[in-house]
Protein backbone atom coordinates (compact mmCIF):
# COMPACT_ATOMS: atom_id res chain seq x y z
CA MET A 1 -70.55 -145.70 -53.48
CA SER A 2 -70.01 -145.43 -50.05
CA GLU A 3 -72.72 -147.78 -47.99
CA ARG A 4 -75.09 -145.27 -46.38
CA THR A 5 -78.99 -145.57 -45.19
CA LEU A 6 -80.67 -145.66 -47.91
CA ALA A 7 -84.47 -144.68 -48.77
CA THR A 8 -86.08 -147.55 -51.08
CA ASN A 9 -86.33 -150.45 -49.07
CA GLY A 10 -86.67 -153.86 -50.52
CA PRO A 11 -86.51 -156.39 -51.01
CA VAL A 12 -86.27 -154.53 -54.49
CA LEU A 13 -86.40 -157.15 -57.68
CA ILE A 14 -84.60 -156.20 -60.93
CA ILE A 15 -85.98 -157.84 -64.36
CA GLY A 16 -82.95 -157.91 -66.93
CA THR A 17 -79.11 -157.95 -65.45
CA GLY A 18 -77.55 -155.37 -68.39
CA LEU A 19 -75.37 -152.47 -67.29
CA LEU A 20 -78.04 -150.47 -65.56
CA GLY A 21 -80.07 -152.98 -64.18
CA THR A 22 -76.77 -155.03 -62.21
CA SER A 23 -75.01 -151.45 -62.22
CA ILE A 24 -78.67 -150.04 -60.40
CA ALA A 25 -78.61 -153.65 -58.05
CA LEU A 26 -75.01 -152.93 -56.80
CA ALA A 27 -76.09 -149.48 -56.27
CA LEU A 28 -79.28 -150.62 -54.04
CA ARG A 29 -76.51 -153.58 -52.46
CA SER A 30 -73.99 -150.76 -50.86
CA GLY A 31 -76.41 -149.53 -48.70
CA GLY A 32 -77.95 -152.71 -48.02
CA VAL A 33 -80.76 -152.71 -49.85
CA GLU A 34 -82.26 -157.10 -50.39
CA VAL A 35 -81.78 -156.89 -54.04
CA TYR A 36 -83.54 -159.95 -56.16
CA LEU A 37 -82.47 -160.68 -60.10
CA ARG A 38 -84.42 -162.10 -62.66
CA ASP A 39 -83.10 -162.42 -66.45
CA ALA A 40 -84.21 -164.37 -69.35
CA SER A 41 -80.33 -165.41 -70.09
CA PRO A 42 -79.18 -167.70 -67.05
CA THR A 43 -75.89 -166.72 -68.14
CA ALA A 44 -75.85 -163.36 -67.80
CA GLY A 45 -78.21 -163.20 -64.75
CA ARG A 46 -75.63 -165.47 -62.81
CA LEU A 47 -72.29 -163.33 -63.95
CA ALA A 48 -74.70 -160.62 -62.21
CA GLN A 49 -75.06 -162.69 -58.78
CA ASP A 50 -71.02 -163.18 -59.02
CA LEU A 51 -70.41 -159.73 -58.83
CA GLY A 52 -72.57 -158.77 -55.74
CA ALA A 53 -75.53 -157.88 -57.28
CA GLY A 54 -78.11 -159.96 -55.48
CA THR A 55 -80.05 -162.97 -55.31
CA LEU A 56 -80.64 -164.48 -58.98
CA ILE A 57 -84.07 -166.27 -58.90
CA ALA A 58 -86.13 -167.96 -61.54
CA GLN A 59 -90.05 -166.93 -63.36
CA ASP A 60 -91.33 -168.67 -60.73
CA ASP A 61 -89.32 -168.89 -57.32
CA PRO A 62 -91.55 -166.72 -54.81
CA CYS A 63 -91.15 -163.19 -53.98
CA SER A 64 -92.34 -160.16 -52.39
CA PRO A 65 -90.60 -156.97 -54.12
CA ARG A 66 -91.65 -153.54 -52.69
CA LEU A 67 -90.82 -152.20 -55.91
CA VAL A 68 -89.35 -153.81 -59.60
CA ILE A 69 -87.38 -152.45 -61.91
CA VAL A 70 -87.80 -153.68 -65.76
CA SER A 71 -84.23 -153.04 -67.22
CA THR A 72 -84.42 -154.30 -70.19
CA PRO A 73 -84.62 -153.36 -73.34
CA PRO A 74 -87.43 -151.13 -74.56
CA ASP A 75 -88.71 -153.26 -77.61
CA VAL A 76 -89.49 -156.03 -74.19
CA ALA A 77 -90.26 -153.86 -71.35
CA ASP A 78 -93.92 -153.11 -71.92
CA VAL A 79 -94.63 -156.56 -71.51
CA CYS A 80 -92.25 -157.18 -69.09
CA VAL A 81 -94.17 -153.71 -66.36
CA VAL A 82 -97.66 -155.31 -66.88
CA ASP A 83 -95.83 -158.72 -65.82
CA ALA A 84 -94.45 -157.39 -63.14
CA LEU A 85 -97.71 -155.49 -62.12
CA LEU A 86 -100.06 -158.19 -62.37
CA ARG A 87 -97.41 -160.67 -60.36
CA TYR A 88 -96.66 -158.44 -57.41
CA PRO A 89 -99.60 -156.39 -56.82
CA GLN A 90 -98.27 -154.63 -54.14
CA ALA A 91 -95.47 -153.20 -55.76
CA VAL A 92 -94.14 -150.07 -57.48
CA VAL A 93 -93.12 -150.83 -61.08
CA THR A 94 -90.91 -148.80 -62.87
CA ASP A 95 -88.89 -149.32 -66.60
CA VAL A 96 -85.40 -147.52 -67.16
CA ALA A 97 -85.53 -148.03 -71.03
CA SER A 98 -84.33 -145.24 -72.75
CA VAL A 99 -87.69 -144.72 -74.70
CA LYS A 100 -90.75 -143.64 -72.63
CA SER A 101 -93.14 -142.65 -75.80
CA ALA A 102 -93.87 -146.33 -76.74
CA VAL A 103 -93.27 -148.42 -73.50
CA CYS A 104 -95.90 -146.10 -71.71
CA ASP A 105 -98.29 -146.85 -74.44
CA GLY A 106 -97.44 -150.62 -74.95
CA VAL A 107 -98.21 -150.96 -70.91
CA PHE A 108 -101.43 -148.93 -71.04
CA ASP A 109 -102.55 -151.61 -74.63
CA GLU A 110 -100.77 -154.37 -72.07
CA ALA A 111 -103.34 -153.95 -69.07
CA LYS A 112 -106.15 -153.28 -71.42
CA ARG A 113 -105.14 -156.58 -73.79
CA ARG A 114 -105.28 -158.49 -69.76
CA GLY A 115 -108.23 -157.18 -68.35
CA ALA A 116 -106.27 -155.17 -65.75
CA ASP A 117 -106.90 -151.96 -64.17
CA ILE A 118 -102.75 -150.99 -63.11
CA PRO A 119 -100.87 -148.28 -64.20
CA SER A 120 -100.96 -145.65 -61.06
CA ARG A 121 -98.61 -148.28 -59.70
CA TYR A 122 -96.40 -147.97 -62.72
CA VAL A 123 -94.02 -145.08 -62.98
CA GLY A 124 -91.98 -145.08 -66.15
CA SER A 125 -88.02 -143.55 -65.59
CA HIS A 126 -85.08 -143.24 -67.41
CA PRO A 127 -81.48 -142.56 -65.65
CA MET A 128 -78.86 -140.51 -68.23
CA ALA A 129 -75.88 -142.70 -67.66
CA GLY A 130 -74.79 -145.39 -70.15
CA ARG A 131 -71.38 -146.80 -71.85
CA GLU A 132 -70.43 -147.78 -74.74
CA ARG A 133 -68.96 -151.23 -73.36
CA SER A 134 -72.83 -153.50 -72.30
CA GLY A 135 -73.29 -156.69 -70.17
CA ALA A 136 -73.15 -156.85 -66.35
CA GLY A 137 -69.37 -156.75 -66.93
CA ALA A 138 -69.49 -152.80 -67.31
CA ALA A 139 -71.59 -152.38 -64.42
CA ASP A 140 -70.32 -149.93 -61.91
CA ALA A 141 -72.21 -148.88 -58.23
CA ASP A 142 -71.68 -145.41 -59.34
CA LEU A 143 -72.95 -145.07 -63.14
CA PHE A 144 -75.60 -142.83 -61.80
CA TYR A 145 -73.44 -140.27 -59.13
CA GLY A 146 -74.46 -136.78 -60.51
CA ARG A 147 -76.62 -137.74 -63.35
CA PRO A 148 -80.34 -136.99 -64.61
CA TRP A 149 -82.66 -139.08 -63.54
CA VAL A 150 -86.05 -138.61 -65.95
CA ILE A 151 -89.04 -139.68 -64.30
CA VAL A 152 -92.10 -140.08 -66.09
CA PRO A 153 -95.58 -140.18 -64.79
CA ASN A 154 -98.51 -141.97 -66.24
CA ARG A 155 -101.12 -140.00 -66.06
CA TYR A 156 -102.86 -142.77 -63.16
CA SER A 157 -99.58 -143.20 -61.17
CA THR A 158 -100.22 -142.46 -57.75
CA PRO A 159 -97.59 -139.17 -55.68
CA ASP A 160 -96.71 -142.50 -53.35
CA ALA A 161 -95.24 -144.59 -56.73
CA VAL A 162 -93.78 -140.96 -58.48
CA MET A 163 -92.42 -140.52 -54.35
CA GLU A 164 -90.39 -144.13 -54.91
CA ILE A 165 -88.58 -143.73 -58.24
CA ARG A 166 -87.58 -139.97 -57.28
CA SER A 167 -86.18 -141.53 -54.31
CA LEU A 168 -84.37 -144.63 -55.50
CA ALA A 169 -83.00 -142.20 -58.29
CA VAL A 170 -81.66 -139.94 -55.20
CA ASP A 171 -80.54 -142.59 -52.97
CA LEU A 172 -78.39 -143.49 -55.86
CA GLY A 173 -76.66 -140.56 -56.35
CA ALA A 174 -78.69 -138.77 -59.64
CA PHE A 175 -80.37 -135.69 -59.22
CA PRO A 176 -84.69 -136.35 -60.59
CA ILE A 177 -85.93 -134.60 -63.62
CA GLU A 178 -89.97 -134.72 -63.73
CA MET A 179 -90.66 -134.54 -67.74
CA ASP A 180 -93.31 -135.88 -69.85
CA ALA A 181 -92.75 -138.60 -72.28
CA ARG A 182 -93.11 -136.62 -75.80
CA THR A 183 -90.61 -134.38 -73.76
CA HIS A 184 -88.16 -136.93 -72.95
CA ASP A 185 -88.51 -138.70 -76.56
CA GLN A 186 -87.51 -135.12 -78.86
CA SER A 187 -85.18 -134.46 -75.57
CA VAL A 188 -82.80 -137.87 -76.07
CA ALA A 189 -83.49 -137.85 -79.71
CA LEU A 190 -80.96 -135.02 -79.77
CA ILE A 191 -78.73 -135.24 -77.46
CA SER A 192 -78.11 -139.11 -77.58
CA HIS A 193 -79.95 -140.73 -80.00
CA VAL A 194 -78.99 -138.68 -83.42
CA PRO A 195 -75.35 -138.91 -81.82
CA GLN A 196 -75.22 -142.00 -81.51
CA LEU A 197 -76.09 -142.75 -85.44
CA VAL A 198 -73.72 -139.94 -86.48
CA SER A 199 -70.80 -141.26 -84.73
CA SER A 200 -71.72 -144.88 -85.80
CA MET A 201 -71.70 -143.47 -89.50
CA LEU A 202 -68.49 -141.76 -89.34
CA ALA A 203 -66.75 -145.00 -87.84
CA ALA A 204 -68.20 -146.87 -90.78
CA ARG A 205 -65.98 -145.01 -93.08
CA LEU A 206 -63.26 -146.36 -91.16
CA VAL A 207 -63.96 -150.01 -92.22
CA ASP A 208 -62.60 -150.06 -96.06
CA ALA A 209 -60.04 -147.07 -95.38
CA PRO A 210 -56.52 -147.79 -96.19
CA LEU A 211 -54.04 -148.43 -93.17
CA SER A 212 -51.76 -145.41 -94.40
CA ALA A 213 -54.75 -143.37 -93.32
CA LEU A 214 -55.51 -145.29 -90.29
CA SER A 215 -51.74 -144.72 -88.70
CA LEU A 216 -52.58 -140.44 -88.58
CA SER A 217 -55.04 -141.35 -86.39
CA GLY A 218 -55.82 -138.99 -83.15
CA GLN A 219 -57.75 -138.18 -80.52
CA GLY A 220 -60.11 -135.98 -82.34
CA LEU A 221 -60.79 -139.35 -84.13
CA ARG A 222 -61.47 -140.97 -81.06
CA ASP A 223 -63.41 -138.67 -79.45
CA THR A 224 -65.69 -138.81 -81.91
CA THR A 225 -65.94 -142.22 -82.99
CA ARG A 226 -66.02 -143.44 -79.13
CA ILE A 227 -69.50 -144.67 -78.41
CA ALA A 228 -69.19 -146.08 -82.60
CA ALA A 229 -68.12 -149.33 -80.50
CA SER A 230 -71.90 -149.58 -78.62
CA ASP A 231 -74.20 -152.93 -78.82
CA PRO A 232 -75.64 -152.98 -82.04
CA ARG A 233 -78.35 -154.61 -80.72
CA LEU A 234 -79.52 -152.86 -77.84
CA TRP A 235 -78.90 -149.54 -80.34
CA THR A 236 -81.28 -151.30 -82.81
CA ALA A 237 -83.97 -151.48 -80.16
CA ILE A 238 -84.11 -148.13 -78.63
CA LEU A 239 -83.89 -146.21 -82.18
CA ALA A 240 -86.31 -148.33 -83.36
CA GLY A 241 -88.55 -147.23 -80.26
CA ASN A 242 -87.87 -143.38 -80.64
CA ALA A 243 -87.91 -143.62 -84.73
CA GLY A 244 -90.65 -139.73 -84.87
CA PRO A 245 -88.04 -137.70 -82.77
CA VAL A 246 -85.15 -139.14 -84.30
CA VAL A 247 -85.83 -139.29 -87.87
CA GLU A 248 -86.78 -134.53 -87.01
CA VAL A 249 -83.36 -134.65 -86.30
CA LEU A 250 -81.78 -136.07 -89.26
CA ARG A 251 -84.08 -134.36 -91.61
CA GLU A 252 -82.19 -130.88 -90.17
CA ILE A 253 -78.68 -133.05 -90.16
CA ARG A 254 -79.43 -134.03 -94.03
CA GLY A 255 -80.04 -130.36 -94.26
CA ASP A 256 -76.63 -129.04 -93.37
CA LEU A 257 -75.35 -131.24 -95.55
CA ASP A 258 -77.09 -130.71 -98.07
CA ASP A 259 -75.80 -126.82 -98.10
CA LEU A 260 -72.21 -128.02 -97.06
CA ILE A 261 -72.36 -130.97 -100.23
CA GLU A 262 -74.16 -128.08 -102.65
CA HIS A 263 -71.18 -125.77 -101.93
CA PHE A 264 -68.11 -128.12 -101.84
CA ASP A 265 -69.11 -129.24 -105.49
CA ALA A 266 -69.08 -126.41 -106.36
CA ALA A 267 -65.98 -125.34 -105.28
CA ALA A 268 -64.13 -128.25 -106.94
CA GLN A 269 -65.23 -127.45 -110.00
CA ARG A 270 -64.56 -123.85 -109.71
CA GLY A 271 -61.93 -123.45 -107.05
CA PRO A 272 -61.39 -123.63 -103.88
CA LEU A 273 -62.34 -120.20 -102.92
CA GLU A 274 -65.63 -119.96 -105.50
CA GLY A 275 -69.71 -121.14 -104.82
CA GLY A 276 -69.97 -119.85 -101.73
CA SER A 277 -68.07 -122.44 -99.65
CA VAL A 278 -66.22 -121.00 -98.05
CA GLY A 279 -69.64 -119.33 -96.03
CA ALA A 280 -71.15 -122.34 -96.04
CA VAL A 281 -67.97 -123.94 -93.82
CA HIS A 282 -67.83 -120.59 -91.39
CA ARG A 283 -72.47 -121.21 -90.13
CA VAL A 284 -71.24 -125.23 -89.60
CA MET A 285 -68.64 -124.50 -87.82
CA ASP A 286 -70.16 -120.98 -85.70
CA LEU A 287 -73.51 -122.51 -85.06
CA GLY A 288 -71.29 -125.62 -83.97
CA ASN A 289 -69.24 -123.61 -81.38
CA ARG A 290 -72.61 -121.66 -80.19
CA GLY A 291 -74.43 -124.94 -79.13
CA VAL A 292 -71.13 -126.31 -77.64
CA ALA A 293 -71.05 -123.22 -75.69
CA ARG A 294 -74.66 -123.86 -74.76
CA ILE A 295 -73.55 -127.59 -73.23
CA PRO A 296 -74.51 -127.57 -69.44
CA GLY A 297 -71.34 -127.51 -67.37
CA LYS A 298 -69.77 -129.54 -64.64
CA HIS A 299 -72.80 -131.02 -62.20
CA GLY A 300 -75.02 -129.37 -64.58
CA GLY A 301 -74.16 -125.83 -63.96
CA ALA A 302 -74.20 -122.89 -65.91
CA PRO A 303 -71.22 -123.42 -68.87
CA THR A 304 -67.79 -122.54 -68.32
CA ARG A 305 -64.59 -121.54 -69.80
CA TYR A 306 -61.20 -123.74 -68.76
CA ALA A 307 -58.36 -122.84 -69.91
CA VAL A 308 -56.46 -126.20 -70.79
CA LEU A 309 -52.76 -127.33 -70.58
CA ASP A 310 -50.83 -130.06 -71.99
CA VAL A 311 -48.47 -131.97 -70.14
CA PHE A 312 -46.19 -134.19 -71.66
CA VAL A 313 -46.30 -137.69 -69.96
CA PRO A 314 -43.99 -139.96 -70.45
CA ASP A 315 -45.60 -143.87 -71.01
CA THR A 316 -44.23 -145.26 -67.75
CA ALA A 317 -45.83 -147.14 -65.02
CA GLY A 318 -46.37 -144.73 -62.41
CA SER A 319 -45.74 -141.28 -64.50
CA LEU A 320 -49.58 -140.17 -64.74
CA GLY A 321 -50.24 -140.98 -60.70
CA ARG A 322 -47.16 -138.74 -60.28
CA LEU A 323 -48.87 -135.32 -62.38
CA PHE A 324 -51.83 -135.94 -60.49
CA THR A 325 -50.05 -136.46 -57.12
CA GLU A 326 -48.06 -133.12 -58.04
CA LEU A 327 -51.14 -131.04 -59.25
CA GLY A 328 -52.75 -131.79 -55.84
CA GLU A 329 -49.52 -130.24 -53.91
CA ILE A 330 -49.50 -127.51 -56.11
CA GLY A 331 -53.79 -127.61 -55.42
CA VAL A 332 -54.51 -127.42 -58.85
CA ASN A 333 -58.66 -129.12 -59.11
CA ILE A 334 -58.72 -130.86 -62.24
CA GLU A 335 -61.99 -129.78 -64.03
CA ASP A 336 -62.08 -132.11 -66.28
CA LEU A 337 -58.77 -134.22 -68.09
CA SER A 338 -58.45 -135.60 -71.34
CA LEU A 339 -55.25 -138.42 -72.51
CA GLU A 340 -54.26 -138.26 -75.88
CA HIS A 341 -51.32 -140.18 -77.66
CA SER A 342 -49.72 -140.72 -80.94
CA ALA A 343 -48.42 -143.63 -83.14
CA GLY A 344 -44.54 -144.35 -82.47
CA ALA A 345 -44.93 -141.95 -79.40
CA GLN A 346 -43.50 -143.61 -76.38
CA MET A 347 -45.63 -141.05 -74.11
CA GLY A 348 -49.11 -139.21 -74.10
CA VAL A 349 -50.43 -135.98 -73.82
CA ALA A 350 -52.14 -134.81 -70.17
CA ARG A 351 -55.20 -132.37 -71.29
CA ILE A 352 -56.13 -130.63 -68.28
CA SER A 353 -58.91 -127.95 -67.99
CA LEU A 354 -58.14 -125.95 -64.74
CA ASP A 355 -59.36 -122.35 -63.73
CA PRO A 356 -58.06 -119.94 -65.78
CA SER A 357 -56.47 -117.36 -62.82
CA ILE A 358 -54.26 -120.13 -62.02
CA LEU A 359 -52.87 -121.22 -65.07
CA ALA A 360 -50.07 -118.99 -65.51
CA SER A 361 -48.92 -120.44 -61.55
CA THR A 362 -49.61 -123.97 -62.59
CA VAL A 363 -47.15 -123.63 -65.46
CA LYS A 364 -44.82 -122.25 -63.69
CA GLN A 365 -44.83 -124.24 -60.58
CA LEU A 366 -44.99 -128.01 -62.93
CA GLU A 367 -42.39 -127.03 -65.27
CA GLU A 368 -39.91 -126.51 -61.94
CA ARG A 369 -41.14 -129.90 -61.09
CA GLY A 370 -39.73 -131.43 -64.39
CA TRP A 371 -42.82 -131.92 -66.73
CA ASN A 372 -43.26 -130.27 -70.29
CA THR A 373 -45.44 -128.24 -70.36
CA GLY A 374 -44.70 -126.96 -74.20
CA SER A 375 -44.75 -123.71 -73.22
CA GLY A 376 -41.40 -123.44 -72.76
CA ASP A 377 -39.50 -120.88 -74.33
């Protein structure tokens, strides 16, 4: 993120220096905002400070932030929010936990327990950005660029407090979307939390898989298991905090699985074309096609169909960079890109998504420049 003037005024205190907290801090620092960091783990806090995310302070160090961002796991976020509201009476406080109902309810319960009437300065939020790697070492100032940032005011949140969090989201390159807590939790259960579980369950089948099977692995397996490398401790807290909406989606998936198992059992006993197995598989695949077609396209726009061009790239230094350079010279805008590798092959395949209207001319010009697109006679 290039340095520019931000609407967010410092000092900003960030509690929790994991992936999200440190990424927010780096983005704010790049805009010249004064940032303080606090973390229950001194080692994590020092790493974030060494990365240039801000100045590490202890629990009792004096600090007068205008904005406090709680970036802790959801199971402790409510207590941290109320602590911040009590300790910094002039500050707006937000959390960036990926569940909202449990945290928002917890803030109200904790405030009531401590005799504090303070939720008007609290606005929940959740940037829809992340990686399978966690911790400050994976942080990136551009992590939120072009991503949704959900803002979840409570019934007492002041307009000024809500505007403060909207400004934060815009400053970090995200686009703010306002939702109530329940709608948010139902949405993330469907598009984030259950996909994480499904990916992990699929990858778990590989633990005892024979090497002969794993040696055949291709990009499809890598794509579907990539997020299975996520932090188990963090995701345990997230999923437990959103158990209700998650289990609703899991029950729907279980219905599909039970239907498939029933028909595959019948096919295994009576023959591959018996027992209705063909129809059951087709139903699931067809619904999957229709679901994928509804996923928004680039920048959150309408779904767009692109042509996919495969280009064979030698596994040598500079080859991929040369391909990008020559695509730029041809005038091709790469809409999306994936790289595939086969075991034992000394080359990879760059799968480039591009405007269908320029596919034929791009193939012709690349092959004239010596690239193999696999489309020759």
